Amino acid sequence: MANRDGHRRFGNIRKRESGRFQIRYPGPDGRLRTGSTTYATRTDADRALTLIEAQIISGEWTDPERGKILLSDYAESWIKERPNLRPKTIEGYTWLRRRHIVPGLGGVAVGKLTPQMVRTWRADLLANGVSVSVTAKAYRLLRAILTTAVEEGKLLNLNPCRIKGADNEQTPERPIITVTQVFELADRMADRRFRALILLTTFASLG
């Protein structure tokens, strides 16, 4: 917000040679940050500073510099530094990270991750033949890692893992053939002995 003399009490705005406006502001630690985005008008830049100030006051601000760490590096550190993990769990997490998380998302900065990126990543895993169970395990690991990034690291405002049911490992039950369908199938068989064998086997399993 600007004072009466036109100067802001939080941050400042400068016009670049391109004609666009750039912001600078102090973080909670007092160090000046330069906005990574430029704005078409001074009004837009002013609104951006107002929003950042409100986020800092409420404790919801995330440091854009810290958010530049790649997911592959952050996930590796997360696994190594997570307390009380059993060796088998560490082995499983390491495998999921290397095999299923890093190839699709590892090169993305944590602060740049979006729900759409996560949805695309999950869809690609399933399309490439990764089972529902393994995909769910990879999704749960990614969600846990990014929960830490939000709550402890302040690298993100919100966790981008928001897919309902994506952590469910259960697959739809296979349909069970009915008695009527058994008879219809048997009627199509030319070999009567084979037909009788199918019927006996089916009724034995039903009983």
Protein backbone atom coordinates (compact mmCIF):
# COMPACT_ATOMS: atom_id res chain seq x y z
CA MET A 1 0.00 0.00 0.00
CA ALA A 2 1.33 3.43 -0.94
CA ASN A 3 1.63 6.32 1.47
CA ARG A 4 0.34 9.81 0.69
CA ASP A 5 3.62 10.79 -0.91
CA GLY A 6 3.34 7.89 -3.36
CA HIS A 7 5.95 5.70 -1.70
CA ARG A 8 5.02 2.25 -0.54
CA ARG A 9 5.53 1.23 3.09
CA PHE A 10 6.22 -2.33 1.90
CA GLY A 11 8.46 -3.07 -1.06
CA ASN A 12 9.04 -0.97 -4.13
CA ILE A 13 8.23 -0.96 -7.84
CA ARG A 14 10.47 -0.03 -10.72
CA LYS A 15 9.80 0.32 -14.43
CA ARG A 16 12.15 -1.66 -16.63
CA GLU A 17 13.40 -0.65 -20.09
CA SER A 18 10.86 -3.03 -21.60
CA GLY A 19 8.09 -0.90 -20.11
CA ARG A 20 7.00 -3.62 -17.69
CA PHE A 21 7.12 -3.25 -13.90
CA GLN A 22 9.18 -5.28 -11.44
CA ILE A 23 8.79 -5.58 -7.68
CA ARG A 24 11.26 -5.87 -4.82
CA TYR A 25 10.34 -6.57 -1.22
CA PRO A 26 11.90 -7.70 2.08
CA GLY A 27 11.23 -11.24 3.26
CA PRO A 28 10.61 -12.14 6.91
CA ASP A 29 14.38 -12.41 7.33
CA GLY A 30 14.86 -8.82 6.11
CA ARG A 31 16.62 -9.87 2.90
CA LEU A 32 15.37 -8.19 -0.27
CA ARG A 33 13.78 -10.39 -2.92
CA THR A 34 13.21 -9.47 -6.55
CA GLY A 35 9.97 -10.69 -8.05
CA SER A 36 10.42 -13.39 -10.69
CA THR A 37 7.46 -12.02 -12.67
CA THR A 38 7.09 -8.61 -14.29
CA TYR A 39 3.77 -6.82 -14.66
CA ALA A 40 2.16 -4.88 -17.49
CA THR A 41 0.99 -2.04 -15.25
CA ARG A 42 2.06 -0.42 -12.00
CA THR A 43 -1.35 -1.25 -10.58
CA ASP A 44 -0.77 -4.98 -11.19
CA ALA A 45 2.65 -4.75 -9.53
CA ASP A 46 1.14 -2.90 -6.59
CA ARG A 47 -1.48 -5.61 -6.14
CA ALA A 48 1.22 -8.29 -6.21
CA LEU A 49 3.12 -6.54 -3.42
CA THR A 50 -0.06 -6.21 -1.37
CA LEU A 51 -0.70 -9.94 -1.71
CA ILE A 52 2.87 -10.84 -0.74
CA GLU A 53 2.69 -8.57 2.30
CA ALA A 54 -0.55 -10.26 3.39
CA GLN A 55 1.04 -13.72 2.95
CA ILE A 56 4.04 -12.74 5.06
CA ILE A 57 1.79 -11.37 7.82
CA SER A 58 -0.35 -14.53 7.84
CA GLY A 59 2.65 -16.89 7.69
CA GLU A 60 1.60 -18.31 4.31
CA TRP A 61 4.43 -16.78 2.28
CA THR A 62 6.84 -19.14 0.57
CA ASP A 63 10.39 -18.18 -0.33
CA PRO A 64 10.69 -18.38 -4.14
CA GLU A 65 14.45 -18.98 -3.84
CA ARG A 66 13.99 -22.06 -1.69
CA GLY A 67 11.30 -23.36 -4.01
CA LYS A 68 13.85 -23.60 -6.84
CA ILE A 69 15.24 -26.89 -5.50
CA LEU A 70 14.50 -29.75 -7.89
CA LEU A 71 12.03 -32.38 -6.75
CA SER A 72 14.58 -35.15 -7.36
CA ASP A 73 17.02 -33.55 -4.89
CA TYR A 74 14.36 -32.64 -2.35
CA ALA A 75 12.87 -36.15 -2.42
CA GLU A 76 16.31 -37.71 -1.93
CA SER A 77 16.98 -35.52 1.10
CA TRP A 78 13.48 -36.20 2.44
CA ILE A 79 14.05 -39.96 2.41
CA LYS A 80 17.49 -39.69 4.00
CA GLU A 81 16.38 -37.28 6.73
CA ARG A 82 13.03 -38.88 7.56
CA PRO A 83 13.21 -40.18 11.17
CA ASN A 84 12.44 -43.73 12.27
CA LEU A 85 12.14 -45.28 8.83
CA ARG A 86 12.91 -48.98 8.65
CA PRO A 87 15.58 -50.13 6.18
CA LYS A 88 12.94 -51.92 4.12
CA THR A 89 10.84 -48.77 3.96
CA ILE A 90 13.83 -46.69 2.90
CA GLU A 91 14.59 -49.23 0.19
CA GLY A 92 11.00 -49.08 -1.07
CA TYR A 93 10.88 -45.28 -1.03
CA THR A 94 14.23 -45.05 -2.82
CA TRP A 95 13.02 -47.42 -5.52
CA LEU A 96 9.74 -45.53 -6.02
CA ARG A 97 11.59 -42.20 -6.20
CA ARG A 98 14.13 -43.45 -8.74
CA ARG A 99 11.78 -45.56 -10.83
CA HIS A 100 8.51 -43.66 -10.88
CA ILE A 101 8.86 -40.10 -9.51
CA VAL A 102 12.15 -38.79 -10.89
CA PRO A 103 11.56 -39.72 -14.57
CA GLY A 104 8.35 -37.69 -14.75
CA LEU A 105 8.76 -34.92 -12.19
CA GLY A 106 12.33 -34.98 -10.90
CA GLY A 107 13.51 -32.11 -13.07
CA VAL A 108 10.78 -29.74 -11.91
CA ALA A 109 11.47 -27.19 -9.17
CA VAL A 110 9.38 -27.95 -6.10
CA GLY A 111 7.91 -24.45 -6.09
CA LYS A 112 6.72 -24.86 -9.68
CA LEU A 113 4.75 -28.08 -9.20
CA THR A 114 1.04 -27.82 -10.00
CA PRO A 115 -1.97 -30.14 -9.63
CA GLN A 116 -2.08 -30.52 -13.43
CA MET A 117 1.55 -31.72 -13.47
CA VAL A 118 0.73 -34.32 -10.83
CA ARG A 119 -2.37 -35.48 -12.72
CA THR A 120 -0.40 -35.83 -15.95
CA TRP A 121 2.40 -37.70 -14.16
CA ARG A 122 -0.04 -40.18 -12.61
CA ALA A 123 -1.90 -40.71 -15.89
CA ASP A 124 1.40 -41.37 -17.68
CA LEU A 125 2.38 -44.02 -15.12
CA LEU A 126 -0.87 -45.90 -15.64
CA ALA A 127 -0.72 -45.50 -19.44
CA ASN A 128 2.80 -46.95 -19.44
CA GLY A 129 1.67 -50.12 -17.70
CA VAL A 130 2.52 -49.33 -14.08
CA SER A 131 0.00 -51.14 -11.89
CA VAL A 132 -2.69 -49.31 -9.92
CA SER A 133 -1.08 -50.56 -6.69
CA VAL A 134 2.43 -49.28 -7.49
CA THR A 135 1.06 -46.01 -8.86
CA ALA A 136 -0.86 -45.49 -5.61
CA LYS A 137 2.31 -46.12 -3.59
CA ALA A 138 4.27 -43.61 -5.69
CA TYR A 139 1.47 -41.06 -5.33
CA ARG A 140 1.35 -41.46 -1.54
CA LEU A 141 5.11 -40.98 -1.33
CA LEU A 142 4.98 -37.86 -3.50
CA ARG A 143 2.12 -36.46 -1.41
CA ALA A 144 4.04 -37.08 1.83
CA ILE A 145 7.16 -35.40 0.45
CA LEU A 146 5.23 -32.35 -0.72
CA THR A 147 3.30 -32.14 2.55
CA THR A 148 6.66 -31.61 4.24
CA ALA A 149 7.59 -29.05 1.58
CA VAL A 150 4.43 -27.11 2.41
CA GLU A 151 4.25 -27.42 6.19
CA GLU A 152 7.92 -27.45 7.19
CA GLY A 153 9.90 -26.12 4.25
CA LYS A 154 7.44 -23.42 3.14
CA LEU A 155 8.40 -24.19 -0.46
CA LEU A 156 4.79 -24.33 -1.62
CA ASN A 157 1.56 -22.70 -0.53
CA LEU A 158 -0.56 -25.79 -1.18
CA ASN A 159 0.16 -29.46 -1.84
CA PRO A 160 -0.50 -30.14 -5.56
CA CYS A 161 -1.41 -33.79 -4.83
CA ARG A 162 -5.19 -33.44 -4.83
CA ILE A 163 -6.45 -36.41 -6.86
CA LYS A 164 -9.33 -38.07 -5.05
CA GLY A 165 -8.80 -41.83 -4.69
CA ALA A 166 -5.31 -41.79 -6.22
CA ASP A 167 -3.87 -43.35 -3.06
CA ASN A 168 -6.22 -46.34 -3.29
CA GLU A 169 -4.47 -49.56 -4.30
CA GLN A 170 -7.61 -51.60 -4.82
CA THR A 171 -8.59 -52.56 -8.36
CA PRO A 172 -12.15 -53.21 -9.53
CA GLU A 173 -13.27 -56.79 -8.86
CA ARG A 174 -13.26 -59.16 -11.81
CA PRO A 175 -16.76 -60.11 -12.99
CA ILE A 176 -17.92 -63.61 -11.94
CA ILE A 177 -19.54 -65.79 -14.57
CA THR A 178 -23.13 -66.78 -13.81
CA VAL A 179 -24.65 -70.28 -14.02
CA THR A 180 -26.70 -69.22 -17.05
CA GLN A 181 -23.55 -68.02 -18.81
CA VAL A 182 -21.89 -71.35 -18.01
CA PHE A 183 -24.68 -73.26 -19.77
CA GLU A 184 -24.58 -70.91 -22.74
CA LEU A 185 -20.83 -71.41 -23.03
CA ALA A 186 -21.17 -75.17 -22.71
CA ASP A 187 -23.86 -75.27 -25.42
CA ARG A 188 -21.37 -73.78 -27.83
CA MET A 189 -18.90 -76.58 -27.26
CA ALA A 190 -18.94 -79.26 -29.94
CA ASP A 191 -17.21 -81.91 -27.84
CA ARG A 192 -19.76 -83.32 -25.37
CA ARG A 193 -17.09 -84.76 -23.12
CA PHE A 194 -15.44 -81.35 -22.82
CA ARG A 195 -18.86 -79.85 -22.19
CA ALA A 196 -19.50 -82.25 -19.31
CA LEU A 197 -16.07 -81.48 -17.82
CA ILE A 198 -16.79 -77.73 -17.82
CA LEU A 199 -20.13 -78.25 -16.13
CA LEU A 200 -18.71 -80.55 -13.44
CA THR A 201 -15.81 -78.20 -12.74
CA THR A 202 -18.08 -75.17 -12.51
CA PHE A 203 -20.60 -76.76 -10.16
CA ALA A 204 -17.82 -78.14 -7.98
CA SER A 205 -16.40 -74.63 -7.56
CA LEU A 206 -19.86 -73.20 -6.83
CA GLY A 207 -20.52 -75.78 -4.16
